[in-house]
Amino acid sequence: MVSTPKAPKAPDPTQTAAAQTATNVDTAIANAGLSHTNQYTPDGSLEYKVTGNTTMTDQNGKTYQLPTYSAYQTYSPQNQAIYDQTQQTQLGLAKLANDQTGKISGVLGTNVDLSAGNVDKYVNDHWQSGFNNQWDRDQASLDQSLADKGISMGSEAYNNALRDFTTRKQAASDQYLGDMYSNAQNSILTERNQPLNEISALMSGSQVNQPNYVNSPTTQLPTVDQAGLINENYNQQMGAYNQQVAKSNAAMGGLFGLGSALLGGWAMSDRRLKRDVHRIDTTAAGLPVYEYEYVWGGGRQVGFMADEVEAVAPSAVMEGPGGYKMVNYAGVL
């Protein structure tokens, strides 16, 4: 009988998954390398370097070494000099601010006193003496003026003039105190905030120009469908296998049909009577099976060569008309 082709072995799911994982890891490593673009600007540079590896183990126990990247930013020489100087200045100012903070540590623990009595006291302590000096000079001028007019101290005219002067002075004092009240409040707050403002100013400093980097282009390599390729290859092998099975079945049917159709199963199988010969299969016993056409026509046929059958089964071969050999297909099959 005609031999049956061997079916291809189905892909191992575990090996297929491992192959796909390896492909994915390789693609990821390549994408990472393509995406880390070093950048160089007038203000500084940004570089990516591989500084180590991370070990990853998949579900099958296979390990992969994944590169670990680190980003390094470097200032230009000019910016680095500014940075160093700024750091030194800020350190010095911070120390000075710390010293000042110790000196005014009690300021924040004391409430700001903006009561009327304290504001009046502030006015008296800072500005009232100037107001009083001015009115003292005005009173001296008044006394001199009255004396020049012959009005003596203690007289009714003198007392009336002094009373009017005192009334005007009191009114001016009330007006002056009202005008100076908000100034006194602002002055009290300024004295309270000034040390804090000085510390804040000491803590500020020059700023270094930061390098401006462009967005790195993202390059993504497509992942190869390794599992799909493996399965597609298997499907192609199965297709070829099915075609071979169909062809073997056709050859088997042709041989049996030929053997049963001829009288006693004998048929002319001499090689000299055949043309356009193509080997298409092999029987289980090792006999080649051919497709051919007889020299007198009649369409394509399937069968053996008499000389090859005679070599393994002489009893199945006999000489026919014209000295051409015949094969007993029923006996061979």
Protein backbone atom coordinates (compact mmCIF):
# COMPACT_ATOMS: atom_id res chain seq x y z
CA MET A 1 0.00 0.00 0.00
CA VAL A 2 1.03 3.64 -0.39
CA SER A 3 2.85 5.14 2.62
CA THR A 4 1.04 7.71 4.79
CA PRO A 5 2.86 11.05 5.38
CA LYS A 6 3.79 11.99 8.96
CA ALA A 7 1.81 14.87 10.42
CA PRO A 8 3.91 17.85 11.62
CA LYS A 9 4.35 18.23 15.36
CA ALA A 10 2.22 20.99 16.91
CA PRO A 11 4.16 23.91 18.47
CA ASP A 12 4.89 23.64 22.19
CA PRO A 13 2.89 26.45 23.93
CA THR A 14 5.59 26.95 26.55
CA GLN A 15 8.36 27.26 23.97
CA THR A 16 6.18 29.53 21.84
CA ALA A 17 5.49 31.82 24.82
CA ALA A 18 9.20 31.87 25.70
CA ALA A 19 10.11 32.82 22.14
CA GLN A 20 7.54 35.64 22.17
CA THR A 21 8.81 36.91 25.55
CA ALA A 22 12.40 36.96 24.31
CA THR A 23 11.32 38.93 21.23
CA ASN A 24 9.37 41.41 23.39
CA VAL A 25 12.33 41.92 25.74
CA ASP A 26 14.74 42.53 22.85
CA THR A 27 12.31 45.03 21.30
CA ALA A 28 11.84 46.85 24.62
CA ILE A 29 15.61 47.15 25.11
CA ALA A 30 16.02 48.52 21.59
CA ASN A 31 13.20 51.04 22.08
CA ALA A 32 14.71 52.26 25.35
CA GLY A 33 18.08 52.80 23.70
CA LEU A 34 16.54 54.70 20.77
CA SER A 35 14.43 56.92 23.06
CA HIS A 36 17.32 58.07 25.30
CA THR A 37 18.65 60.94 23.21
CA ASN A 38 21.60 62.91 24.64
CA GLN A 39 21.06 66.68 24.47
CA TYR A 40 23.57 69.54 24.43
CA THR A 41 22.64 73.22 24.85
CA PRO A 42 24.62 76.43 25.52
CA ASP A 43 23.47 76.25 29.16
CA GLY A 44 24.38 72.60 29.75
CA SER A 45 23.91 69.02 28.64
CA LEU A 46 21.79 65.98 29.45
CA GLU A 47 23.24 62.51 28.91
CA TYR A 48 21.89 59.00 29.41
CA LYS A 49 24.21 56.19 30.46
CA VAL A 50 23.77 52.49 31.26
CA THR A 51 24.73 52.19 34.92
CA GLY A 52 23.64 48.65 35.70
CA ASN A 53 21.28 45.83 34.96
CA THR A 54 18.00 44.54 36.33
CA THR A 55 17.36 40.81 36.27
CA MET A 56 13.92 39.64 35.16
CA THR A 57 12.74 36.04 35.31
CA ASP A 58 9.75 34.85 33.27
CA GLN A 59 7.24 32.16 34.23
CA ASN A 60 9.41 29.49 32.63
CA GLY A 61 12.40 30.37 34.77
CA LYS A 62 14.37 32.05 31.98
CA THR A 63 16.25 35.17 33.09
CA TYR A 64 16.83 38.37 31.14
CA GLN A 65 19.29 41.19 31.84
CA LEU A 66 17.58 44.56 31.34
CA PRO A 67 19.87 47.62 31.19
CA THR A 68 19.29 50.35 33.78
CA TYR A 69 19.70 53.93 32.52
CA SER A 70 20.67 57.02 34.53
CA ALA A 71 20.31 60.65 33.41
CA TYR A 72 23.22 63.06 34.03
CA GLN A 73 22.77 66.84 33.79
CA THR A 74 25.87 69.02 33.48
CA TYR A 75 26.05 72.83 33.44
CA SER A 76 28.12 74.74 30.92
CA PRO A 77 31.41 76.08 32.39
CA GLN A 78 29.90 79.58 32.70
CA ASN A 79 26.75 78.31 34.38
CA GLN A 80 28.77 76.06 36.66
CA ALA A 81 30.83 79.07 37.82
CA ILE A 82 27.62 81.03 38.53
CA TYR A 83 26.19 78.04 40.35
CA ASP A 84 29.29 77.67 42.56
CA GLN A 85 29.36 81.38 43.39
CA THR A 86 25.64 81.42 44.08
CA GLN A 87 25.91 78.45 46.39
CA GLN A 88 28.69 80.15 48.36
CA THR A 89 26.73 83.42 48.55
CA GLN A 90 23.54 81.71 49.61
CA LEU A 91 25.42 79.76 52.25
CA GLY A 92 26.88 82.96 53.65
CA LEU A 93 23.53 84.75 53.57
CA ALA A 94 21.86 81.77 55.22
CA LYS A 95 24.38 81.86 58.07
CA LEU A 96 23.86 85.61 58.47
CA ALA A 97 20.09 85.15 58.39
CA ASN A 98 20.42 82.46 61.03
CA ASP A 99 22.40 84.85 63.26
CA GLN A 100 19.77 87.57 62.80
CA THR A 101 17.02 85.10 63.56
CA GLY A 102 18.60 84.38 66.91
CA LYS A 103 18.67 88.09 67.71
CA ILE A 104 14.97 88.62 67.04
CA SER A 105 13.72 85.24 68.23
CA GLY A 106 11.48 87.02 70.75
CA VAL A 107 9.80 89.29 68.20
CA LEU A 108 7.32 86.76 66.87
CA GLY A 109 6.44 85.71 70.39
CA THR A 110 5.27 89.25 71.26
CA ASN A 111 1.91 90.56 70.05
CA VAL A 112 1.86 93.84 68.13
CA ASP A 113 0.39 96.52 70.43
CA LEU A 114 -1.77 98.90 68.39
CA SER A 115 -3.90 100.06 71.30
CA ALA A 116 -4.80 103.78 71.55
CA GLY A 117 -2.62 104.22 74.59
CA ASN A 118 0.45 102.67 72.92
CA VAL A 119 -0.12 104.62 69.70
CA ASP A 120 -0.46 107.88 71.70
CA LYS A 121 2.73 107.00 73.57
CA TYR A 122 4.52 106.37 70.25
CA VAL A 123 3.41 109.79 69.01
CA ASN A 124 4.52 111.45 72.23
CA ASP A 125 7.88 109.66 72.21
CA HIS A 126 8.68 110.42 68.59
CA TRP A 127 6.86 113.56 67.43
CA GLN A 128 5.13 115.37 70.33
CA SER A 129 8.24 117.24 71.46
CA GLY A 130 8.57 118.87 68.05
CA PHE A 131 4.93 119.94 68.18
CA ASN A 132 5.35 121.36 71.69
CA ASN A 133 8.54 123.22 70.79
CA GLN A 134 6.74 124.93 67.93
CA TRP A 135 3.89 126.07 70.18
CA ASP A 136 6.32 127.18 72.88
CA ARG A 137 7.96 129.44 70.34
CA ASP A 138 4.53 130.72 69.31
CA GLN A 139 3.64 131.51 72.95
CA ALA A 140 6.93 133.37 73.46
CA SER A 141 6.13 135.44 70.40
CA LEU A 142 2.63 136.14 71.79
CA ASP A 143 4.05 137.30 75.14
CA GLN A 144 6.48 139.59 73.39
CA SER A 145 3.73 141.01 71.21
CA LEU A 146 1.47 141.71 74.21
CA ALA A 147 4.35 143.33 76.10
CA ASP A 148 5.09 145.58 73.15
CA LYS A 149 1.47 146.68 73.21
CA GLY A 150 1.74 147.54 76.93
CA ILE A 151 -0.38 144.61 78.08
CA SER A 152 1.17 143.29 81.23
CA MET A 153 1.07 139.73 82.50
CA GLY A 154 -1.89 139.06 84.84
CA SER A 155 -4.07 141.72 83.27
CA GLU A 156 -7.49 140.80 81.92
CA ALA A 157 -6.39 141.48 78.34
CA TYR A 158 -3.35 139.25 78.82
CA ASN A 159 -5.46 136.44 80.33
CA ASN A 160 -7.96 136.64 77.48
CA ALA A 161 -5.21 136.46 74.88
CA LEU A 162 -3.54 133.52 76.68
CA ARG A 163 -6.89 131.69 76.94
CA ASP A 164 -7.47 132.05 73.19
CA PHE A 165 -3.93 130.83 72.52
CA THR A 166 -4.41 127.77 74.78
CA THR A 167 -7.70 126.90 73.03
CA ARG A 168 -6.05 127.08 69.62
CA LYS A 169 -3.11 124.99 70.86
CA GLN A 170 -5.42 122.29 72.22
CA ALA A 171 -7.37 122.15 68.97
CA ALA A 172 -4.12 121.91 67.01
CA SER A 173 -2.85 119.19 69.35
CA ASP A 174 -6.05 117.12 68.85
CA GLN A 175 -5.77 117.54 65.09
CA TYR A 176 -2.09 116.68 65.13
CA LEU A 177 -2.64 113.54 67.21
CA GLY A 178 -5.37 112.38 64.82
CA ASP A 179 -3.15 112.95 61.81
CA MET A 180 -0.23 111.12 63.38
CA TYR A 181 -2.31 108.17 64.63
CA SER A 182 -2.19 106.06 61.39
CA ASN A 183 1.45 107.10 60.84
CA ALA A 184 2.24 105.79 64.30
CA GLN A 185 0.46 102.48 63.57
CA ASN A 186 2.42 102.04 60.31
CA SER A 187 5.65 102.91 62.06
CA ILE A 188 5.01 100.35 64.79
CA LEU A 189 4.29 97.65 62.17
CA THR A 190 7.36 98.67 60.13
CA GLU A 191 9.61 98.34 63.17
CA ARG A 192 8.11 94.91 63.80
CA ASN A 193 8.50 93.68 60.16
CA GLN A 194 11.81 95.24 59.22
CA PRO A 195 14.04 92.54 60.77
CA LEU A 196 11.91 89.84 59.20
CA ASN A 197 12.12 91.55 55.79
CA GLU A 198 15.89 91.78 56.10
CA ILE A 199 16.12 88.04 56.84
CA SER A 200 13.90 87.27 53.85
CA ALA A 201 16.09 89.43 51.63
CA LEU A 202 19.18 87.65 52.87
CA MET A 203 17.68 84.29 51.97
CA SER A 204 17.07 85.29 48.33
CA GLY A 205 19.88 85.25 45.78
CA SER A 206 20.88 85.01 42.14
CA GLN A 207 19.40 82.19 40.13
CA VAL A 208 21.27 79.92 37.74
CA ASN A 209 19.96 79.65 34.18
CA GLN A 210 18.50 76.18 33.86
CA PRO A 211 19.17 74.36 30.56
CA ASN A 212 16.08 74.03 28.40
CA TYR A 213 15.84 70.63 26.74
CA VAL A 214 13.62 69.62 23.86
CA ASN A 215 11.30 66.66 24.17
CA SER A 216 13.21 63.55 23.19
CA PRO A 217 11.72 61.87 20.12
CA THR A 218 10.08 58.57 20.99
CA THR A 219 11.05 55.80 18.61
CA GLN A 220 9.03 52.63 18.92
CA LEU A 221 10.03 49.49 17.06
CA PRO A 222 7.07 47.21 16.37
CA THR A 223 7.11 43.96 18.31
CA VAL A 224 7.50 40.90 16.09
CA ASP A 225 4.60 38.45 16.50
CA GLN A 226 6.89 35.52 17.14
CA ALA A 227 4.08 33.31 18.39
CA GLY A 228 2.03 34.12 15.31
CA LEU A 229 4.92 33.23 13.02
CA ILE A 230 5.42 29.89 14.77
CA ASN A 231 1.73 29.04 14.50
CA GLU A 232 1.59 30.22 10.88
CA ASN A 233 4.53 27.96 10.03
CA TYR A 234 2.74 25.06 11.70
CA ASN A 235 -0.42 25.81 9.73
CA GLN A 236 1.56 25.81 6.49
CA GLN A 237 3.13 22.47 7.38
CA MET A 238 -0.31 21.08 8.17
CA GLY A 239 -1.58 22.34 4.80
CA ALA A 240 1.27 20.60 3.00
CA TYR A 241 0.64 17.46 5.06
CA ASN A 242 -3.05 17.45 4.14
CA GLN A 243 -2.14 17.81 0.48
CA GLN A 244 0.23 14.83 0.75
CA VAL A 245 -2.46 12.77 2.46
CA ALA A 246 -4.94 13.65 -0.27
CA LYS A 247 -2.38 12.78 -2.94
CA SER A 248 -1.54 9.47 -1.23
CA ASN A 249 -5.21 8.64 -0.98
CA ALA A 250 -5.64 9.41 -4.67
CA ALA A 251 -2.65 7.19 -5.53
CA MET A 252 -4.02 4.42 -3.33
CA GLY A 253 -7.39 4.66 -5.01
CA GLY A 254 -5.79 4.64 -8.47
CA LEU A 255 -3.71 1.55 -7.73
CA PHE A 256 -6.61 -0.38 -6.28
CA GLY A 257 -8.85 0.74 -9.08
CA LEU A 258 -6.29 -0.29 -11.67
CA GLY A 259 -5.68 -3.64 -10.06
CA SER A 260 -9.37 -4.46 -9.78
CA ALA A 261 -10.34 -3.13 -13.20
CA LEU A 262 -7.88 -5.28 -15.20
CA LEU A 263 -8.38 -8.94 -15.82
CA GLY A 264 -6.75 -10.83 -12.99
CA GLY A 265 -5.13 -7.58 -11.82
CA TRP A 266 -2.48 -7.64 -14.59
CA ALA A 267 -1.50 -4.41 -16.39
CA MET A 268 1.18 -3.34 -18.82
CA SER A 269 3.88 -1.69 -16.68
CA ASP A 270 6.95 -1.81 -18.87
CA ARG A 271 8.97 1.38 -18.55
CA ARG A 272 9.37 1.48 -22.33
CA LEU A 273 5.62 1.95 -22.78
CA LYS A 274 5.41 5.03 -20.51
CA ARG A 275 6.20 8.71 -21.00
CA ASP A 276 6.15 11.95 -18.96
CA VAL A 277 6.90 9.91 -15.83
CA HIS A 278 6.90 11.58 -12.35
CA ARG A 279 7.47 9.86 -9.03
CA ILE A 280 4.76 10.84 -6.58
CA ASP A 281 5.03 8.48 -3.59
CA THR A 282 6.41 5.24 -2.11
CA THR A 283 4.60 2.19 -0.77
CA ALA A 284 5.15 0.81 2.71
CA ALA A 285 7.24 -1.94 1.07
CA GLY A 286 9.50 0.65 -0.52
CA LEU A 287 8.21 0.48 -4.11
CA PRO A 288 8.15 3.83 -5.91
CA VAL A 289 4.78 4.99 -7.20
CA TYR A 290 4.67 6.98 -10.44
CA GLU A 291 2.30 9.15 -12.40
CA TYR A 292 2.65 8.77 -16.19
CA GLU A 293 0.94 8.44 -19.55
CA TYR A 294 1.10 5.46 -21.94
CA VAL A 295 2.74 6.10 -25.27
CA TRP A 296 -0.60 5.47 -27.00
CA GLY A 297 -2.41 8.02 -24.81
CA GLY A 298 -5.43 7.46 -22.65
CA GLY A 299 -4.75 10.10 -19.97
CA ARG A 300 -2.64 10.19 -16.84
CA GLN A 301 -2.16 6.92 -14.93
CA VAL A 302 -0.76 5.89 -11.54
CA GLY A 303 1.28 2.75 -11.05
CA PHE A 304 4.61 0.89 -10.73
CA MET A 305 7.54 0.16 -13.03
CA ALA A 306 7.73 -3.56 -13.90
CA ASP A 307 11.51 -3.77 -13.52
CA GLU A 308 11.34 -2.33 -9.97
CA VAL A 309 8.54 -4.71 -8.97
CA GLU A 310 10.45 -7.68 -10.43
CA ALA A 311 13.43 -6.86 -8.23
CA VAL A 312 11.39 -7.42 -5.04
CA ALA A 313 8.49 -9.65 -6.18
CA PRO A 314 9.41 -11.64 -9.32
CA SER A 315 6.20 -13.69 -9.14
CA ALA A 316 4.16 -10.53 -9.68
CA VAL A 317 5.80 -9.84 -13.10
CA MET A 318 5.36 -11.68 -16.41
CA GLU A 319 6.21 -11.07 -20.05
CA GLY A 320 3.28 -9.94 -22.18
CA PRO A 321 2.69 -9.32 -25.87
CA GLY A 322 5.65 -7.95 -27.80
CA GLY A 323 8.03 -8.86 -25.00
CA TYR A 324 6.76 -6.01 -22.76
CA LYS A 325 6.49 -6.79 -19.06
CA MET A 326 3.25 -6.82 -17.13
CA VAL A 327 2.63 -6.45 -13.35
CA ASN A 328 0.00 -8.22 -11.25
CA TYR A 329 -1.23 -5.20 -9.24
CA ALA A 330 -3.60 -7.30 -7.18
CA GLY A 331 -0.71 -9.48 -6.08
CA VAL A 332 1.56 -6.53 -5.26
CA LEU A 333 -1.11 -4.58 -3.40
